[in-house]
Amino acid sequence: MIDVMKTSARTQPNINQNTSVSFHGGFLKYELPQNALVEQTVLSFRTDQSQALILFVHDHNNNFMQ
């Protein structure tokens, strides 16, 4: 199941304050399971934005855009 992120005295809840909603220099690594259509996939993102849209696009040349 999906874990819920929690804040405690040891975490930094405001580490990304006043940042833009982009992933400059970011990357995604994913190892395909035996049956990718029925396996669970979890993508986690951390942001200080109250509303955002994550768009992930893949074309026929294996180019990725976020």
PDB file of N, CA and C in Angstrom:
ATOM      1  N   MET A   1       0.834  -1.191   0.000  1.00  0.00           N
ATOM      2  CA  MET A   1       0.000   0.000   0.000  1.00  0.00           C
ATOM      3  C   MET A   1       0.879   1.255   0.000  1.00  0.00           C
ATOM      4  N   ILE A   2       0.239   2.366  -0.235  1.00  0.00           N
ATOM      5  CA  ILE A   2       0.959   3.628  -0.326  1.00  0.00           C
ATOM      6  C   ILE A   2       1.244   4.160   1.073  1.00  0.00           C
ATOM      7  N   ASP A   3       2.508   4.499   1.311  1.00  0.00           N
ATOM      8  CA  ASP A   3       2.890   5.082   2.591  1.00  0.00           C
ATOM      9  C   ASP A   3       2.523   6.556   2.617  1.00  0.00           C
ATOM     10  N   VAL A   4       2.175   7.052   3.777  1.00  0.00           N
ATOM     11  CA  VAL A   4       1.822   8.457   3.937  1.00  0.00           C
ATOM     12  C   VAL A   4       3.027   9.178   4.525  1.00  0.00           C
ATOM     13  N   MET A   5       3.440  10.293   3.899  1.00  0.00           N
ATOM     14  CA  MET A   5       4.568  11.045   4.413  1.00  0.00           C
ATOM     15  C   MET A   5       4.148  11.785   5.677  1.00  0.00           C
ATOM     16  N   LYS A   6       4.992  11.732   6.665  1.00  0.00           N
ATOM     17  CA  LYS A   6       4.696  12.386   7.932  1.00  0.00           C
ATOM     18  C   LYS A   6       5.804  13.365   8.269  1.00  0.00           C
ATOM     19  N   THR A   7       5.475  14.368   9.045  1.00  0.00           N
ATOM     20  CA  THR A   7       6.434  15.362   9.482  1.00  0.00           C
ATOM     21  C   THR A   7       6.701  15.179  10.964  1.00  0.00           C
ATOM     22  N   SER A   8       7.974  15.242  11.334  1.00  0.00           N
ATOM     23  CA  SER A   8       8.337  15.140  12.746  1.00  0.00           C
ATOM     24  C   SER A   8       9.450  16.146  13.020  1.00  0.00           C
ATOM     25  N   ALA A   9       9.982  16.122  14.233  1.00  0.00           N
ATOM     26  CA  ALA A   9      11.042  17.053  14.610  1.00  0.00           C
ATOM     27  C   ALA A   9      12.316  16.810  13.807  1.00  0.00           C
ATOM     28  N   ARG A  10      12.497  15.615  13.262  1.00  0.00           N
ATOM     29  CA  ARG A  10      13.710  15.293  12.511  1.00  0.00           C
ATOM     30  C   ARG A  10      13.594  15.575  11.013  1.00  0.00           C
ATOM     31  N   THR A  11      12.433  15.942  10.532  1.00  0.00           N
ATOM     32  CA  THR A  11      12.272  16.223   9.106  1.00  0.00           C
ATOM     33  C   THR A  11      12.359  17.717   8.844  1.00  0.00           C
ATOM     34  N   GLN A  12      12.500  18.074   7.580  1.00  0.00           N
ATOM     35  CA  GLN A  12      12.540  19.473   7.172  1.00  0.00           C
ATOM     36  C   GLN A  12      11.308  19.753   6.326  1.00  0.00           C
ATOM     37  N   PRO A  13      10.190  20.137   6.936  1.00  0.00           N
ATOM     38  CA  PRO A  13       8.946  20.287   6.175  1.00  0.00           C
ATOM     39  C   PRO A  13       8.959  21.429   5.169  1.00  0.00           C
ATOM     40  N   ASN A  14       9.805  22.431   5.343  1.00  0.00           N
ATOM     41  CA  ASN A  14       9.795  23.598   4.458  1.00  0.00           C
ATOM     42  C   ASN A  14      11.046  23.680   3.594  1.00  0.00           C
ATOM     43  N   ILE A  15      11.633  22.546   3.253  1.00  0.00           N
ATOM     44  CA  ILE A  15      12.896  22.556   2.515  1.00  0.00           C
ATOM     45  C   ILE A  15      12.753  23.148   1.119  1.00  0.00           C
ATOM     46  N   ASN A  16      11.583  23.074   0.519  1.00  0.00           N
ATOM     47  CA  ASN A  16      11.389  23.542  -0.853  1.00  0.00           C
ATOM     48  C   ASN A  16      10.485  24.762  -0.941  1.00  0.00           C
ATOM     49  N   GLN A  17      10.466  25.604   0.055  1.00  0.00           N
ATOM     50  CA  GLN A  17       9.599  26.779   0.006  1.00  0.00           C
ATOM     51  C   GLN A  17      10.013  27.720  -1.114  1.00  0.00           C
ATOM     52  N   ASN A  18       9.007  28.319  -1.747  1.00  0.00           N
ATOM     53  CA  ASN A  18       9.201  29.317  -2.805  1.00  0.00           C
ATOM     54  C   ASN A  18      10.015  28.779  -3.978  1.00  0.00           C
ATOM     55  N   THR A  19       9.759  27.557  -4.368  1.00  0.00           N
ATOM     56  CA  THR A  19      10.451  26.971  -5.510  1.00  0.00           C
ATOM     57  C   THR A  19       9.513  26.913  -6.703  1.00  0.00           C
ATOM     58  N   SER A  20      10.080  26.724  -7.870  1.00  0.00           N
ATOM     59  CA  SER A  20       9.255  26.573  -9.066  1.00  0.00           C
ATOM     60  C   SER A  20       8.803  25.123  -9.187  1.00  0.00           C
ATOM     61  N   VAL A  21       7.806  24.902 -10.001  1.00  0.00           N
ATOM     62  CA  VAL A  21       7.295  23.550 -10.205  1.00  0.00           C
ATOM     63  C   VAL A  21       7.951  22.997 -11.466  1.00  0.00           C
ATOM     64  N   SER A  22       9.192  22.576 -11.347  1.00  0.00           N
ATOM     65  CA  SER A  22       9.906  21.962 -12.467  1.00  0.00           C
ATOM     66  C   SER A  22      10.960  21.021 -11.904  1.00  0.00           C
ATOM     67  N   PHE A  23      11.473  20.188 -12.768  1.00  0.00           N
ATOM     68  CA  PHE A  23      12.443  19.183 -12.352  1.00  0.00           C
ATOM     69  C   PHE A  23      13.708  19.338 -13.191  1.00  0.00           C
ATOM     70  N   HIS A  24      14.378  20.474 -13.073  1.00  0.00           N
ATOM     71  CA  HIS A  24      15.598  20.716 -13.835  1.00  0.00           C
ATOM     72  C   HIS A  24      16.655  19.700 -13.416  1.00  0.00           C
ATOM     73  N   GLY A  25      17.185  18.975 -14.377  1.00  0.00           N
ATOM     74  CA  GLY A  25      18.207  17.979 -14.080  1.00  0.00           C
ATOM     75  C   GLY A  25      17.659  16.713 -13.460  1.00  0.00           C
ATOM     76  N   GLY A  26      16.338  16.583 -13.381  1.00  0.00           N
ATOM     77  CA  GLY A  26      15.739  15.396 -12.787  1.00  0.00           C
ATOM     78  C   GLY A  26      15.725  14.231 -13.757  1.00  0.00           C
ATOM     79  N   PHE A  27      15.518  13.055 -13.228  1.00  0.00           N
ATOM     80  CA  PHE A  27      15.444  11.870 -14.068  1.00  0.00           C
ATOM     81  C   PHE A  27      14.516  10.857 -13.426  1.00  0.00           C
ATOM     82  N   LEU A  28      14.118   9.900 -14.200  1.00  0.00           N
ATOM     83  CA  LEU A  28      13.243   8.831 -13.731  1.00  0.00           C
ATOM     84  C   LEU A  28      13.876   7.504 -14.104  1.00  0.00           C
ATOM     85  N   LYS A  29      14.014   6.622 -13.132  1.00  0.00           N
ATOM     86  CA  LYS A  29      14.552   5.292 -13.396  1.00  0.00           C
ATOM     87  C   LYS A  29      13.508   4.287 -12.939  1.00  0.00           C
ATOM     88  N   TYR A  30      13.205   3.359 -13.812  1.00  0.00           N
ATOM     89  CA  TYR A  30      12.165   2.385 -13.500  1.00  0.00           C
ATOM     90  C   TYR A  30      12.557   1.046 -14.098  1.00  0.00           C
ATOM     91  N   GLU A  31      12.569   0.010 -13.293  1.00  0.00           N
ATOM     92  CA  GLU A  31      12.865  -1.328 -13.781  1.00  0.00           C
ATOM     93  C   GLU A  31      11.547  -2.051 -13.998  1.00  0.00           C
ATOM     94  N   LEU A  32      11.348  -2.530 -15.208  1.00  0.00           N
ATOM     95  CA  LEU A  32      10.080  -3.168 -15.553  1.00  0.00           C
ATOM     96  C   LEU A  32       9.900  -4.495 -14.828  1.00  0.00           C
ATOM     97  N   PRO A  33       8.744  -4.688 -14.205  1.00  0.00           N
ATOM     98  CA  PRO A  33       8.439  -5.990 -13.610  1.00  0.00           C
ATOM     99  C   PRO A  33       8.074  -6.989 -14.706  1.00  0.00           C
ATOM    100  N   GLN A  34       7.834  -8.214 -14.337  1.00  0.00           N
ATOM    101  CA  GLN A  34       7.479  -9.237 -15.314  1.00  0.00           C
ATOM    102  C   GLN A  34       6.187  -8.888 -16.052  1.00  0.00           C
ATOM    103  N   ASN A  35       5.187  -8.396 -15.343  1.00  0.00           N
ATOM    104  CA  ASN A  35       3.908  -8.058 -15.961  1.00  0.00           C
ATOM    105  C   ASN A  35       3.551  -6.623 -15.575  1.00  0.00           C
ATOM    106  N   ALA A  36       4.045  -5.664 -16.346  1.00  0.00           N
ATOM    107  CA  ALA A  36       3.904  -4.247 -15.999  1.00  0.00           C
ATOM    108  C   ALA A  36       2.462  -3.760 -16.008  1.00  0.00           C
ATOM    109  N   LEU A  37       1.573  -4.434 -16.715  1.00  0.00           N
ATOM    110  CA  LEU A  37       0.187  -3.973 -16.797  1.00  0.00           C
ATOM    111  C   LEU A  37      -0.611  -4.257 -15.534  1.00  0.00           C
ATOM    112  N   VAL A  38      -0.208  -5.211 -14.733  1.00  0.00           N
ATOM    113  CA  VAL A  38      -0.965  -5.537 -13.526  1.00  0.00           C
ATOM    114  C   VAL A  38      -0.184  -5.253 -12.243  1.00  0.00           C
ATOM    115  N   GLU A  39       1.096  -4.921 -12.334  1.00  0.00           N
ATOM    116  CA  GLU A  39       1.892  -4.615 -11.151  1.00  0.00           C
ATOM    117  C   GLU A  39       1.586  -3.200 -10.652  1.00  0.00           C
ATOM    118  N   GLN A  40       1.782  -2.972  -9.371  1.00  0.00           N
ATOM    119  CA  GLN A  40       1.561  -1.652  -8.782  1.00  0.00           C
ATOM    120  C   GLN A  40       2.747  -0.741  -9.092  1.00  0.00           C
ATOM    121  N   THR A  41       2.462   0.487  -9.475  1.00  0.00           N
ATOM    122  CA  THR A  41       3.486   1.493  -9.734  1.00  0.00           C
ATOM    123  C   THR A  41       3.198   2.701  -8.856  1.00  0.00           C
ATOM    124  N   VAL A  42       4.199   3.155  -8.106  1.00  0.00           N
ATOM    125  CA  VAL A  42       4.031   4.303  -7.223  1.00  0.00           C
ATOM    126  C   VAL A  42       5.038   5.371  -7.619  1.00  0.00           C
ATOM    127  N   LEU A  43       4.569   6.562  -7.917  1.00  0.00           N
ATOM    128  CA  LEU A  43       5.420   7.711  -8.181  1.00  0.00           C
ATOM    129  C   LEU A  43       5.197   8.713  -7.058  1.00  0.00           C
ATOM    130  N   SER A  44       6.263   9.135  -6.405  1.00  0.00           N
ATOM    131  CA  SER A  44       6.151  10.073  -5.289  1.00  0.00           C
ATOM    132  C   SER A  44       6.804  11.395  -5.669  1.00  0.00           C
ATOM    133  N   PHE A  45       6.148  12.477  -5.337  1.00  0.00           N
ATOM    134  CA  PHE A  45       6.663  13.807  -5.618  1.00  0.00           C
ATOM    135  C   PHE A  45       6.518  14.648  -4.364  1.00  0.00           C
ATOM    136  N   ARG A  46       7.500  15.501  -4.116  1.00  0.00           N
ATOM    137  CA  ARG A  46       7.441  16.401  -2.973  1.00  0.00           C
ATOM    138  C   ARG A  46       7.516  17.831  -3.502  1.00  0.00           C
ATOM    139  N   THR A  47       6.566  18.654  -3.089  1.00  0.00           N
ATOM    140  CA  THR A  47       6.537  20.042  -3.534  1.00  0.00           C
ATOM    141  C   THR A  47       5.895  20.907  -2.459  1.00  0.00           C
ATOM    142  N   ASP A  48       6.142  22.204  -2.540  1.00  0.00           N
ATOM    143  CA  ASP A  48       5.498  23.135  -1.616  1.00  0.00           C
ATOM    144  C   ASP A  48       4.270  23.776  -2.247  1.00  0.00           C
ATOM    145  N   GLN A  49       3.909  23.367  -3.453  1.00  0.00           N
ATOM    146  CA  GLN A  49       2.759  23.927  -4.152  1.00  0.00           C
ATOM    147  C   GLN A  49       1.467  23.301  -3.635  1.00  0.00           C
ATOM    148  N   SER A  50       0.445  24.115  -3.418  1.00  0.00           N
ATOM    149  CA  SER A  50      -0.833  23.578  -2.936  1.00  0.00           C
ATOM    150  C   SER A  50      -1.622  22.926  -4.063  1.00  0.00           C
ATOM    151  N   GLN A  51      -1.422  23.381  -5.302  1.00  0.00           N
ATOM    152  CA  GLN A  51      -2.088  22.782  -6.459  1.00  0.00           C
ATOM    153  C   GLN A  51      -1.056  22.632  -7.568  1.00  0.00           C
ATOM    154  N   ALA A  52      -1.024  21.472  -8.203  1.00  0.00           N
ATOM    155  CA  ALA A  52      -0.066  21.239  -9.284  1.00  0.00           C
ATOM    156  C   ALA A  52      -0.578  20.122 -10.174  1.00  0.00           C
ATOM    157  N   LEU A  53      -0.049  20.076 -11.375  1.00  0.00           N
ATOM    158  CA  LEU A  53      -0.351  19.008 -12.319  1.00  0.00           C
ATOM    159  C   LEU A  53       0.970  18.396 -12.749  1.00  0.00           C
ATOM    160  N   ILE A  54       1.104  17.093 -12.575  1.00  0.00           N
ATOM    161  CA  ILE A  54       2.307  16.383 -13.012  1.00  0.00           C
ATOM    162  C   ILE A  54       1.982  15.737 -14.349  1.00  0.00           C
ATOM    163  N   LEU A  55       2.725  16.102 -15.373  1.00  0.00           N
ATOM    164  CA  LEU A  55       2.502  15.563 -16.709  1.00  0.00           C
ATOM    165  C   LEU A  55       3.755  14.810 -17.136  1.00  0.00           C
ATOM    166  N   PHE A  56       3.578  13.565 -17.517  1.00  0.00           N
ATOM    167  CA  PHE A  56       4.701  12.742 -17.961  1.00  0.00           C
ATOM    168  C   PHE A  56       4.374  12.226 -19.350  1.00  0.00           C
ATOM    169  N   VAL A  57       5.203  12.553 -20.332  1.00  0.00           N
ATOM    170  CA  VAL A  57       4.937  12.217 -21.729  1.00  0.00           C
ATOM    171  C   VAL A  57       6.078  11.365 -22.272  1.00  0.00           C
ATOM    172  N   HIS A  58       5.736  10.354 -23.049  1.00  0.00           N
ATOM    173  CA  HIS A  58       6.712   9.464 -23.674  1.00  0.00           C
ATOM    174  C   HIS A  58       6.333   9.316 -25.142  1.00  0.00           C
ATOM    175  N   ASP A  59       7.272   9.562 -26.053  1.00  0.00           N
ATOM    176  CA  ASP A  59       6.949   9.442 -27.474  1.00  0.00           C
ATOM    177  C   ASP A  59       7.566   8.181 -28.081  1.00  0.00           C
ATOM    178  N   HIS A  60       7.367   7.997 -29.384  1.00  0.00           N
ATOM    179  CA  HIS A  60       7.820   6.776 -30.056  1.00  0.00           C
ATOM    180  C   HIS A  60       9.341   6.678 -30.173  1.00  0.00           C
ATOM    181  N   ASN A  61      10.078   7.758 -29.923  1.00  0.00           N
ATOM    182  CA  ASN A  61      11.546   7.746 -29.951  1.00  0.00           C
ATOM    183  C   ASN A  61      12.152   7.589 -28.564  1.00  0.00           C
ATOM    184  N   ASN A  62      11.339   7.221 -27.590  1.00  0.00           N
ATOM    185  CA  ASN A  62      11.767   7.070 -26.192  1.00  0.00           C
ATOM    186  C   ASN A  62      12.254   8.383 -25.592  1.00  0.00           C
ATOM    187  N   ASN A  63      11.706   9.508 -26.043  1.00  0.00           N
ATOM    188  CA  ASN A  63      11.988  10.799 -25.428  1.00  0.00           C
ATOM    189  C   ASN A  63      10.974  11.033 -24.320  1.00  0.00           C
ATOM    190  N   PHE A  64      11.449  11.500 -23.183  1.00  0.00           N
ATOM    191  CA  PHE A  64      10.578  11.749 -22.044  1.00  0.00           C
ATOM    192  C   PHE A  64      10.507  13.245 -21.784  1.00  0.00           C
ATOM    193  N   MET A  65       9.345  13.712 -21.389  1.00  0.00           N
ATOM    194  CA  MET A  65       9.161  15.107 -20.999  1.00  0.00           C
ATOM    195  C   MET A  65       8.385  15.134 -19.700  1.00  0.00           C
ATOM    196  N   GLN A  66       8.795  15.998 -18.795  1.00  0.00           N
ATOM    197  CA  GLN A  66       8.046  16.182 -17.556  1.00  0.00           C
ATOM    198  C   GLN A  66       7.565  17.607 -17.509  1.00  0.00           C
TER     199      GLN A  66
END
